[in-house]
Amino acid sequence: LEAELQLDRLKPRLSRRVLLLQGHQSSWHRELALAPGTPPQCHNLTAYLRDEADFKDKLSPVALSLSLALPAGTPGLVLYGDTLVQAQVRGT
């Protein structure tokens, strides 16, 4: 299963306001090996908001997305359910 996380995905790549702590990138991609009977996998990722002086847009929401897909060329398998998840949460 291929998983991809995009931070601040509505902005152009060079002007994204949120980055991952490890690697300072705005996206994360991982191929997850799943097999019957194996325990669930968990990945914790830490992200940070760039310094306000580094960007002008402070009002628009930060859109995050997580997509799941089967690797290309996987015969006979179909992924059911939502394959793209987006959420918007307002901070206090």
C-alpha atoms as a PDB file:
ATOM      1  CA  LEU A   1       0.000   0.000   0.000  1.00  0.00           C
ATOM      2  CA  GLU A   2       1.389   3.416  -0.903  1.00  0.00           C
ATOM      3  CA  ALA A   3       0.705   6.245   1.566  1.00  0.00           C
ATOM      4  CA  GLU A   4       1.337   9.917   0.859  1.00  0.00           C
ATOM      5  CA  LEU A   5       0.872  12.878   3.219  1.00  0.00           C
ATOM      6  CA  GLN A   6       0.783  16.428   1.816  1.00  0.00           C
ATOM      7  CA  LEU A   7       1.051  19.416   4.181  1.00  0.00           C
ATOM      8  CA  ASP A   8      -0.430  22.787   3.137  1.00  0.00           C
ATOM      9  CA  ARG A   9      -1.205  21.192  -0.207  1.00  0.00           C
ATOM     10  CA  LEU A  10      -3.200  24.126  -1.612  1.00  0.00           C
ATOM     11  CA  LYS A  11      -0.057  26.274  -1.715  1.00  0.00           C
ATOM     12  CA  PRO A  12       2.737  25.982  -4.295  1.00  0.00           C
ATOM     13  CA  ARG A  13       5.499  23.682  -3.051  1.00  0.00           C
ATOM     14  CA  LEU A  14       8.020  26.488  -2.423  1.00  0.00           C
ATOM     15  CA  SER A  15       5.606  28.633  -0.405  1.00  0.00           C
ATOM     16  CA  ARG A  16       4.172  25.987   1.922  1.00  0.00           C
ATOM     17  CA  ARG A  17       3.881  27.141   5.516  1.00  0.00           C
ATOM     18  CA  VAL A  18       4.045  23.743   7.250  1.00  0.00           C
ATOM     19  CA  LEU A  19       6.997  21.349   7.015  1.00  0.00           C
ATOM     20  CA  LEU A  20       7.906  18.021   8.553  1.00  0.00           C
ATOM     21  CA  LEU A  21      10.510  18.241  11.289  1.00  0.00           C
ATOM     22  CA  GLN A  22      12.510  15.365   9.818  1.00  0.00           C
ATOM     23  CA  GLY A  23      13.789  16.445   6.410  1.00  0.00           C
ATOM     24  CA  HIS A  24      12.022  19.837   6.387  1.00  0.00           C
ATOM     25  CA  GLN A  25       9.789  18.733   3.503  1.00  0.00           C
ATOM     26  CA  SER A  26       6.074  19.374   2.944  1.00  0.00           C
ATOM     27  CA  SER A  27       5.298  15.796   1.945  1.00  0.00           C
ATOM     28  CA  TRP A  28       5.879  12.245   3.151  1.00  0.00           C
ATOM     29  CA  HIS A  29       5.656   9.077   1.072  1.00  0.00           C
ATOM     30  CA  ARG A  30       5.960   5.535   2.324  1.00  0.00           C
ATOM     31  CA  GLU A  31       5.273   2.092   0.921  1.00  0.00           C
ATOM     32  CA  LEU A  32       3.558   0.047   3.600  1.00  0.00           C
ATOM     33  CA  ALA A  33       3.897  -3.740   3.479  1.00  0.00           C
ATOM     34  CA  LEU A  34       0.660  -5.288   4.674  1.00  0.00           C
ATOM     35  CA  ALA A  35      -0.037  -8.983   5.050  1.00  0.00           C
ATOM     36  CA  PRO A  36      -2.834 -10.976   6.682  1.00  0.00           C
ATOM     37  CA  GLY A  37      -2.221 -11.514  10.387  1.00  0.00           C
ATOM     38  CA  THR A  38       0.398  -8.777  10.808  1.00  0.00           C
ATOM     39  CA  PRO A  39      -0.125  -6.142  13.509  1.00  0.00           C
ATOM     40  CA  PRO A  40      -1.288  -2.622  12.590  1.00  0.00           C
ATOM     41  CA  GLN A  41       1.382  -0.086  11.660  1.00  0.00           C
ATOM     42  CA  CYS A  42       1.682   3.351  13.219  1.00  0.00           C
ATOM     43  CA  HIS A  43       3.787   6.278  11.980  1.00  0.00           C
ATOM     44  CA  ASN A  44       4.141   9.445  14.039  1.00  0.00           C
ATOM     45  CA  LEU A  45       5.231  12.518  12.107  1.00  0.00           C
ATOM     46  CA  THR A  46       6.030  15.887  13.656  1.00  0.00           C
ATOM     47  CA  ALA A  47       5.358  19.020  11.623  1.00  0.00           C
ATOM     48  CA  TYR A  48       5.994  22.672  12.361  1.00  0.00           C
ATOM     49  CA  LEU A  49       4.715  26.021  11.161  1.00  0.00           C
ATOM     50  CA  ARG A  50       7.441  28.122   9.545  1.00  0.00           C
ATOM     51  CA  ASP A  51       8.249  31.493  11.118  1.00  0.00           C
ATOM     52  CA  GLU A  52       5.564  34.073  10.299  1.00  0.00           C
ATOM     53  CA  ALA A  53       8.225  36.335   8.771  1.00  0.00           C
ATOM     54  CA  ASP A  54       8.827  33.661   6.089  1.00  0.00           C
ATOM     55  CA  PHE A  55       5.355  33.906   4.514  1.00  0.00           C
ATOM     56  CA  LYS A  56       2.667  36.534   3.865  1.00  0.00           C
ATOM     57  CA  ASP A  57      -0.537  34.461   3.965  1.00  0.00           C
ATOM     58  CA  LYS A  58      -1.529  34.094   7.609  1.00  0.00           C
ATOM     59  CA  LEU A  59      -5.300  33.783   7.170  1.00  0.00           C
ATOM     60  CA  SER A  60      -6.018  30.928   4.768  1.00  0.00           C
ATOM     61  CA  PRO A  61      -6.408  27.438   6.245  1.00  0.00           C
ATOM     62  CA  VAL A  62      -3.614  24.880   6.108  1.00  0.00           C
ATOM     63  CA  ALA A  63      -4.948  21.914   4.119  1.00  0.00           C
ATOM     64  CA  LEU A  64      -3.555  18.472   4.902  1.00  0.00           C
ATOM     65  CA  SER A  65      -4.251  15.364   2.866  1.00  0.00           C
ATOM     66  CA  LEU A  66      -3.466  11.680   3.174  1.00  0.00           C
ATOM     67  CA  SER A  67      -3.873   9.428   0.179  1.00  0.00           C
ATOM     68  CA  LEU A  68      -3.678   5.641   0.004  1.00  0.00           C
ATOM     69  CA  ALA A  69      -3.180   3.670  -3.195  1.00  0.00           C
ATOM     70  CA  LEU A  70      -2.201   0.255  -4.399  1.00  0.00           C
ATOM     71  CA  PRO A  71       1.173   0.108  -6.146  1.00  0.00           C
ATOM     72  CA  ALA A  72       1.030   0.283  -9.939  1.00  0.00           C
ATOM     73  CA  GLY A  73       0.778  -3.105 -11.566  1.00  0.00           C
ATOM     74  CA  THR A  74      -0.958  -4.821  -8.632  1.00  0.00           C
ATOM     75  CA  PRO A  75      -3.187  -7.328 -10.452  1.00  0.00           C
ATOM     76  CA  GLY A  76      -6.582  -8.371  -9.131  1.00  0.00           C
ATOM     77  CA  LEU A  77      -6.713  -6.075  -6.088  1.00  0.00           C
ATOM     78  CA  VAL A  78      -9.122  -3.201  -5.521  1.00  0.00           C
ATOM     79  CA  LEU A  79      -8.954  -0.617  -2.746  1.00  0.00           C
ATOM     80  CA  TYR A  80     -12.423   0.055  -1.255  1.00  0.00           C
ATOM     81  CA  GLY A  81     -13.480   3.113   0.725  1.00  0.00           C
ATOM     82  CA  ASP A  82     -12.021   6.599   0.874  1.00  0.00           C
ATOM     83  CA  THR A  83      -8.555   6.808  -0.669  1.00  0.00           C
ATOM     84  CA  LEU A  84      -8.107  10.536  -0.024  1.00  0.00           C
ATOM     85  CA  VAL A  85      -8.745  12.064   3.396  1.00  0.00           C
ATOM     86  CA  GLN A  86      -8.736  15.792   4.094  1.00  0.00           C
ATOM     87  CA  ALA A  87      -9.484  17.623   7.316  1.00  0.00           C
ATOM     88  CA  GLN A  88      -9.697  21.192   8.484  1.00  0.00           C
ATOM     89  CA  VAL A  89      -9.440  22.007  12.182  1.00  0.00           C
ATOM     90  CA  ARG A  90      -9.453  25.467  13.697  1.00  0.00           C
ATOM     91  CA  GLY A  91      -6.949  26.138  16.460  1.00  0.00           C
ATOM     92  CA  THR A  92      -7.681  28.344  19.424  1.00  0.00           C
END
